[in-house]
């Protein structure tokens, strides 16, 4: 993807600073590809727990990842602080599609971009259930501005 078509920081209404760890690097000296997905999971779940009221231990509804994708644009390494940008591009009845941008602190061009789709299900039956009201309300604050690059 050409660098000028990547979403900048202004495309993301929410950020979480995530420090890279020594163990994130692989033998090639950069953050291993699978770790990027853990950064995606971290920024999403931190938001759901702290702003949407998600009770990961006892809540009646939980979000299951049914689809994800990551595109790598440049390497990340240890030690760095990653600013993980988060936005919502689709909020359905039982599902949500998040887009994530991973930025080095102080940079406007992402090192990686991707998406993550949650389907909310009943904790016991695992059948789809509506996105809980508190979470839905919080997610509305992350909905992407259609005028910004996606």
N, C-alpha and C. Protein backbone atom coordinates (compact mmCIF):
# COMPACT_ATOMS: atom_id res chain seq x y z
N UNK A 1 0.85 -1.17 0.00
CA UNK A 1 0.00 0.00 0.00
C UNK A 1 0.90 1.24 0.00
N UNK A 2 0.69 2.16 -0.93
CA UNK A 2 1.52 3.37 -0.95
C UNK A 2 1.37 4.17 0.34
N UNK A 3 2.51 4.71 0.82
CA UNK A 3 2.51 5.40 2.10
C UNK A 3 1.51 6.55 2.15
N UNK A 4 1.31 7.26 1.03
CA UNK A 4 0.39 8.40 1.05
C UNK A 4 -1.07 7.98 1.10
N UNK A 5 -1.36 6.69 0.97
CA UNK A 5 -2.75 6.23 1.08
C UNK A 5 -3.05 5.63 2.45
N UNK A 6 -2.06 5.61 3.34
CA UNK A 6 -2.27 5.07 4.69
C UNK A 6 -2.98 6.09 5.57
N UNK A 7 -3.81 5.62 6.49
CA UNK A 7 -4.48 6.57 7.40
C UNK A 7 -3.46 7.18 8.36
N UNK A 8 -3.56 8.47 8.59
CA UNK A 8 -2.71 9.14 9.56
C UNK A 8 -3.32 9.10 10.95
N UNK A 9 -2.62 9.68 11.89
CA UNK A 9 -3.10 9.71 13.28
C UNK A 9 -4.49 10.33 13.40
N UNK A 10 -4.77 11.34 12.57
CA UNK A 10 -6.07 12.03 12.70
C UNK A 10 -7.25 11.15 12.33
N UNK A 11 -7.01 9.98 11.75
CA UNK A 11 -8.09 9.06 11.39
C UNK A 11 -8.55 8.22 12.59
N UNK A 12 -7.84 8.30 13.71
CA UNK A 12 -8.14 7.46 14.87
C UNK A 12 -8.52 8.33 16.07
N UNK A 13 -9.72 8.14 16.61
CA UNK A 13 -10.15 8.97 17.74
C UNK A 13 -9.58 8.54 19.09
N UNK A 14 -8.98 7.36 19.18
CA UNK A 14 -8.51 6.83 20.47
C UNK A 14 -7.13 6.23 20.29
N UNK A 15 -6.26 6.47 21.28
CA UNK A 15 -4.91 5.90 21.27
C UNK A 15 -4.58 5.29 22.62
N UNK A 16 -3.79 4.24 22.57
CA UNK A 16 -3.24 3.61 23.77
C UNK A 16 -1.75 3.43 23.54
N UNK A 17 -0.93 3.92 24.47
CA UNK A 17 0.52 3.73 24.38
C UNK A 17 0.86 2.33 24.89
N UNK A 18 1.57 1.58 24.06
CA UNK A 18 1.96 0.21 24.40
C UNK A 18 3.48 0.08 24.24
N UNK A 19 4.22 -0.16 25.33
CA UNK A 19 5.67 -0.35 25.17
C UNK A 19 5.98 -1.72 24.58
N UNK A 20 6.93 -1.74 23.65
CA UNK A 20 7.38 -3.05 23.17
C UNK A 20 8.21 -3.68 24.29
N UNK A 21 8.30 -4.99 24.25
CA UNK A 21 9.06 -5.73 25.26
C UNK A 21 10.21 -6.45 24.58
N UNK A 22 11.24 -6.75 25.32
CA UNK A 22 12.39 -7.48 24.80
C UNK A 22 11.95 -8.76 24.11
N UNK A 23 10.99 -9.45 24.71
CA UNK A 23 10.54 -10.73 24.16
C UNK A 23 9.72 -10.57 22.87
N UNK A 24 9.30 -9.33 22.54
CA UNK A 24 8.54 -9.11 21.30
C UNK A 24 9.41 -9.26 20.07
N UNK A 25 10.72 -8.98 20.21
CA UNK A 25 11.63 -9.10 19.06
C UNK A 25 11.87 -10.55 18.71
N UNK A 26 12.07 -10.79 17.43
CA UNK A 26 12.43 -12.14 17.01
C UNK A 26 13.91 -12.18 16.64
N UNK A 27 14.37 -13.28 16.12
CA UNK A 27 15.77 -13.47 15.81
C UNK A 27 16.27 -12.49 14.74
N UNK A 28 15.34 -11.90 13.99
CA UNK A 28 15.71 -10.95 12.94
C UNK A 28 15.84 -9.52 13.46
N UNK A 29 15.58 -9.31 14.76
CA UNK A 29 15.78 -8.01 15.37
C UNK A 29 14.62 -7.06 15.29
N UNK A 30 13.44 -7.55 14.93
CA UNK A 30 12.25 -6.70 14.91
C UNK A 30 11.10 -7.43 15.59
N UNK A 31 10.04 -6.68 15.88
CA UNK A 31 8.86 -7.27 16.52
C UNK A 31 8.29 -8.34 15.58
N UNK A 32 8.07 -9.51 16.12
CA UNK A 32 7.54 -10.63 15.34
C UNK A 32 6.11 -10.35 14.91
N UNK A 33 5.76 -10.83 13.73
CA UNK A 33 4.45 -10.54 13.15
C UNK A 33 3.28 -10.92 14.06
N UNK A 34 3.35 -12.00 14.80
CA UNK A 34 2.21 -12.40 15.63
C UNK A 34 1.98 -11.43 16.78
N UNK A 35 3.00 -10.70 17.19
CA UNK A 35 2.88 -9.76 18.31
C UNK A 35 2.01 -8.57 17.92
N UNK A 36 2.01 -8.20 16.63
CA UNK A 36 1.17 -7.10 16.19
C UNK A 36 -0.30 -7.38 16.52
N UNK A 37 -0.71 -8.64 16.37
CA UNK A 37 -2.09 -9.00 16.70
C UNK A 37 -2.36 -8.86 18.20
N UNK A 38 -1.35 -9.09 19.02
CA UNK A 38 -1.55 -8.89 20.47
C UNK A 38 -1.70 -7.41 20.78
N UNK A 39 -1.03 -6.53 20.03
CA UNK A 39 -1.23 -5.10 20.21
C UNK A 39 -2.67 -4.72 19.81
N UNK A 40 -3.16 -5.30 18.71
CA UNK A 40 -4.55 -5.06 18.29
C UNK A 40 -5.51 -5.46 19.42
N UNK A 41 -5.32 -6.67 19.92
CA UNK A 41 -6.18 -7.21 20.97
C UNK A 41 -6.12 -6.34 22.23
N UNK A 42 -4.93 -5.84 22.55
CA UNK A 42 -4.74 -5.02 23.75
C UNK A 42 -5.49 -3.70 23.65
N UNK A 43 -5.34 -2.98 22.54
CA UNK A 43 -6.00 -1.67 22.42
C UNK A 43 -7.52 -1.83 22.42
N UNK A 44 -8.02 -2.88 21.79
CA UNK A 44 -9.47 -3.10 21.75
C UNK A 44 -10.00 -3.46 23.13
N UNK A 45 -9.40 -4.43 23.78
CA UNK A 45 -9.93 -4.89 25.06
C UNK A 45 -9.72 -3.89 26.19
N UNK A 46 -8.64 -3.12 26.15
CA UNK A 46 -8.47 -2.05 27.14
C UNK A 46 -9.63 -1.08 27.03
N UNK A 47 -10.01 -0.73 25.80
CA UNK A 47 -11.12 0.19 25.61
C UNK A 47 -12.44 -0.42 26.08
N UNK A 48 -12.71 -1.66 25.68
CA UNK A 48 -13.97 -2.30 26.06
C UNK A 48 -14.12 -2.42 27.58
N UNK A 49 -13.03 -2.76 28.26
CA UNK A 49 -13.08 -2.94 29.72
C UNK A 49 -13.20 -1.58 30.42
N UNK A 50 -12.33 -0.63 30.06
CA UNK A 50 -12.26 0.64 30.79
C UNK A 50 -13.30 1.67 30.36
N UNK A 51 -13.84 1.55 29.16
CA UNK A 51 -14.79 2.56 28.68
C UNK A 51 -16.17 1.99 28.34
N UNK A 52 -16.23 0.69 28.05
CA UNK A 52 -17.51 0.07 27.71
C UNK A 52 -18.10 -0.76 28.81
N UNK A 53 -17.34 -0.97 29.90
CA UNK A 53 -17.85 -1.75 31.02
C UNK A 53 -17.85 -3.25 30.81
N UNK A 54 -17.04 -3.75 29.86
CA UNK A 54 -16.97 -5.20 29.63
C UNK A 54 -16.46 -5.90 30.87
N UNK A 55 -17.23 -6.86 31.37
CA UNK A 55 -16.83 -7.68 32.51
C UNK A 55 -16.32 -8.99 31.94
N UNK A 56 -15.00 -9.11 31.85
CA UNK A 56 -14.41 -10.29 31.19
C UNK A 56 -14.59 -11.57 32.00
N UNK A 57 -14.85 -11.45 33.29
CA UNK A 57 -14.97 -12.64 34.14
C UNK A 57 -16.40 -13.13 34.29
N UNK A 58 -17.39 -12.19 34.34
CA UNK A 58 -18.75 -12.60 34.67
C UNK A 58 -19.83 -12.02 33.77
N UNK A 59 -19.47 -11.17 32.84
CA UNK A 59 -20.49 -10.55 31.99
C UNK A 59 -21.25 -11.57 31.16
N UNK A 60 -22.52 -11.31 30.88
CA UNK A 60 -23.32 -12.28 30.12
C UNK A 60 -22.93 -12.36 28.64
N UNK A 61 -22.29 -11.30 28.12
CA UNK A 61 -21.89 -11.30 26.71
C UNK A 61 -20.38 -11.14 26.61
N UNK A 62 -19.81 -11.81 25.64
CA UNK A 62 -18.38 -11.69 25.37
C UNK A 62 -18.19 -11.50 23.87
N UNK A 63 -17.08 -10.87 23.50
CA UNK A 63 -16.77 -10.67 22.09
C UNK A 63 -15.79 -11.71 21.62
N UNK A 64 -16.12 -12.38 20.52
CA UNK A 64 -15.21 -13.36 19.92
C UNK A 64 -14.68 -12.81 18.60
N UNK A 65 -13.38 -12.93 18.40
CA UNK A 65 -12.79 -12.49 17.14
C UNK A 65 -13.13 -13.51 16.06
N UNK A 66 -13.76 -13.05 14.99
CA UNK A 66 -14.12 -13.95 13.89
C UNK A 66 -13.33 -13.65 12.62
N UNK A 67 -12.63 -12.51 12.61
CA UNK A 67 -11.83 -12.16 11.44
C UNK A 67 -10.83 -11.09 11.84
N UNK A 68 -9.61 -11.19 11.29
CA UNK A 68 -8.61 -10.15 11.55
C UNK A 68 -7.63 -10.11 10.39
N UNK A 69 -6.98 -8.97 10.26
CA UNK A 69 -5.98 -8.79 9.20
C UNK A 69 -4.99 -7.74 9.66
N UNK A 70 -3.72 -7.92 9.27
CA UNK A 70 -2.69 -6.94 9.56
C UNK A 70 -1.86 -6.74 8.31
N UNK A 71 -1.60 -5.48 7.99
CA UNK A 71 -0.68 -5.14 6.90
C UNK A 71 0.52 -4.44 7.53
N UNK A 72 1.70 -4.92 7.17
CA UNK A 72 2.95 -4.41 7.74
C UNK A 72 3.55 -3.41 6.77
N UNK A 73 3.86 -2.21 7.29
CA UNK A 73 4.40 -1.15 6.44
C UNK A 73 5.86 -0.84 6.77
N UNK A 74 6.24 -1.00 8.03
CA UNK A 74 7.63 -0.81 8.44
C UNK A 74 7.84 -1.53 9.76
N UNK A 75 9.09 -1.82 10.05
CA UNK A 75 9.40 -2.59 11.25
C UNK A 75 9.21 -1.78 12.53
N UNK A 76 8.83 -2.51 13.57
CA UNK A 76 8.85 -2.00 14.94
C UNK A 76 9.90 -2.82 15.68
N UNK A 77 10.48 -2.24 16.73
CA UNK A 77 11.53 -2.94 17.46
C UNK A 77 11.40 -2.66 18.96
N UNK A 78 12.23 -3.33 19.72
CA UNK A 78 12.40 -3.04 21.14
C UNK A 78 13.69 -2.24 21.28
N UNK A 79 13.74 -1.20 22.08
CA UNK A 79 12.67 -0.60 22.86
C UNK A 79 12.00 0.54 22.10
N UNK A 80 10.70 0.53 22.06
CA UNK A 80 9.90 1.61 21.48
C UNK A 80 8.57 1.68 22.22
N UNK A 81 7.92 2.81 22.09
CA UNK A 81 6.54 2.95 22.55
C UNK A 81 5.68 3.01 21.29
N UNK A 82 4.68 2.16 21.23
CA UNK A 82 3.75 2.11 20.10
C UNK A 82 2.48 2.85 20.52
N UNK A 83 2.04 3.76 19.69
CA UNK A 83 0.73 4.38 19.89
C UNK A 83 -0.26 3.60 19.03
N UNK A 84 -1.13 2.85 19.67
CA UNK A 84 -2.12 2.04 18.97
C UNK A 84 -3.39 2.85 18.80
N UNK A 85 -3.70 3.21 17.55
CA UNK A 85 -4.90 3.98 17.25
C UNK A 85 -6.07 3.05 17.00
N UNK A 86 -7.25 3.46 17.43
CA UNK A 86 -8.44 2.62 17.34
C UNK A 86 -9.61 3.43 16.80
N UNK A 87 -10.35 2.82 15.88
CA UNK A 87 -11.60 3.41 15.39
C UNK A 87 -12.56 2.28 15.04
N UNK A 88 -13.84 2.62 14.95
CA UNK A 88 -14.89 1.66 14.58
C UNK A 88 -15.38 2.05 13.20
N UNK A 89 -15.40 1.07 12.28
CA UNK A 89 -15.88 1.35 10.92
C UNK A 89 -17.23 0.72 10.63
N UNK A 90 -17.65 -0.22 11.48
CA UNK A 90 -18.99 -0.79 11.32
C UNK A 90 -19.47 -1.29 12.67
N UNK A 91 -20.64 -0.80 13.06
CA UNK A 91 -21.25 -1.23 14.31
C UNK A 91 -22.62 -1.81 13.98
N UNK A 92 -22.70 -3.14 14.02
CA UNK A 92 -23.94 -3.83 13.70
C UNK A 92 -24.72 -4.19 14.95
N UNK A 93 -25.70 -5.05 14.79
CA UNK A 93 -26.52 -5.48 15.92
C UNK A 93 -25.72 -6.36 16.88
N UNK A 94 -24.98 -7.32 16.34
CA UNK A 94 -24.22 -8.26 17.17
C UNK A 94 -22.72 -8.19 16.93
N UNK A 95 -22.28 -7.34 16.01
CA UNK A 95 -20.86 -7.33 15.68
C UNK A 95 -20.32 -5.92 15.54
N UNK A 96 -18.99 -5.83 15.58
CA UNK A 96 -18.29 -4.56 15.40
C UNK A 96 -17.00 -4.82 14.64
N UNK A 97 -16.69 -3.89 13.73
CA UNK A 97 -15.42 -3.96 13.00
C UNK A 97 -14.57 -2.77 13.43
N UNK A 98 -13.42 -3.10 14.02
CA UNK A 98 -12.47 -2.09 14.45
C UNK A 98 -11.38 -1.98 13.40
N UNK A 99 -10.81 -0.79 13.25
CA UNK A 99 -9.58 -0.63 12.49
C UNK A 99 -8.54 -0.09 13.45
N UNK A 100 -7.31 -0.57 13.25
CA UNK A 100 -6.22 -0.24 14.15
C UNK A 100 -5.05 0.28 13.32
N UNK A 101 -4.38 1.28 13.83
CA UNK A 101 -3.12 1.76 13.27
C UNK A 101 -2.08 1.74 14.36
N UNK A 102 -0.94 1.14 14.08
CA UNK A 102 0.17 1.11 15.04
C UNK A 102 1.22 2.12 14.59
N UNK A 103 1.47 3.12 15.43
CA UNK A 103 2.38 4.22 15.11
C UNK A 103 3.53 4.24 16.10
N UNK A 104 4.75 4.52 15.62
CA UNK A 104 5.82 4.87 16.54
C UNK A 104 5.46 6.21 17.15
N UNK A 105 5.78 6.39 18.43
CA UNK A 105 5.49 7.68 19.06
C UNK A 105 6.15 8.79 18.25
N UNK A 106 5.37 9.84 17.99
CA UNK A 106 5.88 10.99 17.27
C UNK A 106 5.79 10.88 15.76
N UNK A 107 5.37 9.75 15.23
CA UNK A 107 5.25 9.58 13.78
C UNK A 107 3.78 9.60 13.36
N UNK A 108 3.54 10.12 12.17
CA UNK A 108 2.16 10.23 11.66
C UNK A 108 1.80 9.10 10.71
N UNK A 109 2.78 8.38 10.20
CA UNK A 109 2.53 7.28 9.27
C UNK A 109 2.59 5.96 10.05
N UNK A 110 1.59 5.11 9.90
CA UNK A 110 1.58 3.87 10.69
C UNK A 110 2.63 2.86 10.23
N UNK A 111 3.14 2.13 11.20
CA UNK A 111 4.03 1.01 10.91
C UNK A 111 3.22 -0.21 10.49
N UNK A 112 1.97 -0.28 10.95
CA UNK A 112 1.08 -1.38 10.58
C UNK A 112 -0.36 -0.89 10.68
N UNK A 113 -1.22 -1.46 9.85
CA UNK A 113 -2.65 -1.18 9.91
C UNK A 113 -3.39 -2.50 9.79
N UNK A 114 -4.60 -2.51 10.30
CA UNK A 114 -5.38 -3.73 10.18
C UNK A 114 -6.76 -3.57 10.73
N UNK A 115 -7.44 -4.69 10.80
CA UNK A 115 -8.79 -4.69 11.37
C UNK A 115 -9.03 -5.95 12.17
N UNK A 116 -10.11 -5.91 12.92
CA UNK A 116 -10.46 -6.97 13.87
C UNK A 116 -11.97 -6.95 13.96
N UNK A 117 -12.64 -8.07 13.79
CA UNK A 117 -14.10 -8.14 13.88
C UNK A 117 -14.49 -8.98 15.08
N UNK A 118 -15.28 -8.38 15.95
CA UNK A 118 -15.85 -9.08 17.10
C UNK A 118 -17.31 -9.40 16.82
N UNK A 119 -17.73 -10.60 17.14
CA UNK A 119 -19.15 -10.93 17.23
C UNK A 119 -19.42 -11.18 18.70
N UNK A 120 -20.42 -10.47 19.23
CA UNK A 120 -20.78 -10.66 20.62
C UNK A 120 -21.71 -11.86 20.73
N UNK A 121 -21.39 -12.71 21.72
CA UNK A 121 -22.16 -13.94 21.94
C UNK A 121 -22.50 -14.05 23.42
N UNK A 122 -23.55 -14.82 23.69
CA UNK A 122 -23.91 -15.16 25.06
C UNK A 122 -22.79 -16.04 25.63
N UNK A 123 -22.32 -15.70 26.82
CA UNK A 123 -21.20 -16.43 27.43
C UNK A 123 -21.47 -17.94 27.52
N UNK A 124 -22.68 -18.32 27.86
CA UNK A 124 -23.00 -19.73 28.07
C UNK A 124 -23.32 -20.47 26.77
N UNK A 125 -24.23 -19.93 25.98
CA UNK A 125 -24.70 -20.65 24.78
C UNK A 125 -23.80 -20.45 23.57
N UNK A 126 -22.99 -19.38 23.59
CA UNK A 126 -22.13 -18.99 22.46
C UNK A 126 -22.94 -18.61 21.22
N UNK A 127 -24.20 -18.27 21.41
CA UNK A 127 -25.05 -17.79 20.31
C UNK A 127 -24.94 -16.28 20.24
N UNK A 128 -24.98 -15.70 19.01
CA UNK A 128 -24.89 -14.24 18.87
C UNK A 128 -25.94 -13.53 19.72
N UNK A 129 -25.51 -12.41 20.29
CA UNK A 129 -26.38 -11.59 21.13
C UNK A 129 -26.08 -10.12 20.80
N UNK A 130 -27.03 -9.23 21.00
CA UNK A 130 -26.76 -7.82 20.70
C UNK A 130 -25.57 -7.29 21.49
N UNK A 131 -24.84 -6.36 20.87
CA UNK A 131 -23.76 -5.68 21.55
C UNK A 131 -24.36 -5.02 22.80
N UNK A 132 -23.82 -5.28 23.98
CA UNK A 132 -24.38 -4.69 25.20
C UNK A 132 -24.45 -3.16 25.11
N UNK A 133 -25.48 -2.58 25.73
CA UNK A 133 -25.75 -1.14 25.62
C UNK A 133 -24.56 -0.27 26.01
N UNK A 134 -23.91 -0.56 27.12
CA UNK A 134 -22.77 0.24 27.56
C UNK A 134 -21.62 0.20 26.57
N UNK A 135 -21.38 -0.98 26.02
CA UNK A 135 -20.32 -1.13 25.02
C UNK A 135 -20.72 -0.41 23.74
N UNK A 136 -21.96 -0.57 23.31
CA UNK A 136 -22.44 0.11 22.10
C UNK A 136 -22.27 1.62 22.22
N UNK A 137 -22.65 2.16 23.37
CA UNK A 137 -22.54 3.61 23.58
C UNK A 137 -21.08 4.05 23.48
N UNK A 138 -20.18 3.30 24.11
CA UNK A 138 -18.75 3.64 24.05
C UNK A 138 -18.21 3.53 22.63
N UNK A 139 -18.62 2.49 21.90
CA UNK A 139 -18.14 2.28 20.54
C UNK A 139 -18.60 3.39 19.59
N UNK A 140 -19.76 3.95 19.84
CA UNK A 140 -20.24 5.06 18.99
C UNK A 140 -19.26 6.22 19.00
N UNK A 141 -18.57 6.42 20.10
CA UNK A 141 -17.58 7.48 20.19
C UNK A 141 -16.33 7.22 19.36
N UNK A 142 -16.19 5.99 18.88
CA UNK A 142 -15.02 5.63 18.05
C UNK A 142 -15.36 5.51 16.56
N UNK A 143 -16.60 5.79 16.21
CA UNK A 143 -16.98 5.62 14.81
C UNK A 143 -16.17 6.57 13.93
N UNK A 144 -15.66 6.01 12.84
CA UNK A 144 -14.78 6.74 11.93
C UNK A 144 -15.50 7.86 11.21
N UNK A 145 -14.80 8.94 11.02
CA UNK A 145 -15.29 10.05 10.21
C UNK A 145 -15.19 9.62 8.75
N UNK A 146 -16.31 9.55 8.03
CA UNK A 146 -16.29 9.07 6.65
C UNK A 146 -15.42 9.94 5.73
N UNK A 147 -15.08 11.16 6.15
CA UNK A 147 -14.26 12.02 5.33
C UNK A 147 -12.77 11.73 5.43
N UNK A 148 -12.37 10.90 6.41
CA UNK A 148 -10.96 10.58 6.59
C UNK A 148 -10.58 9.33 5.82
N UNK A 149 -9.30 9.24 5.45
CA UNK A 149 -8.80 8.06 4.73
C UNK A 149 -9.00 6.81 5.57
N UNK A 150 -9.49 5.75 4.93
CA UNK A 150 -9.67 4.48 5.64
C UNK A 150 -8.66 3.46 5.19
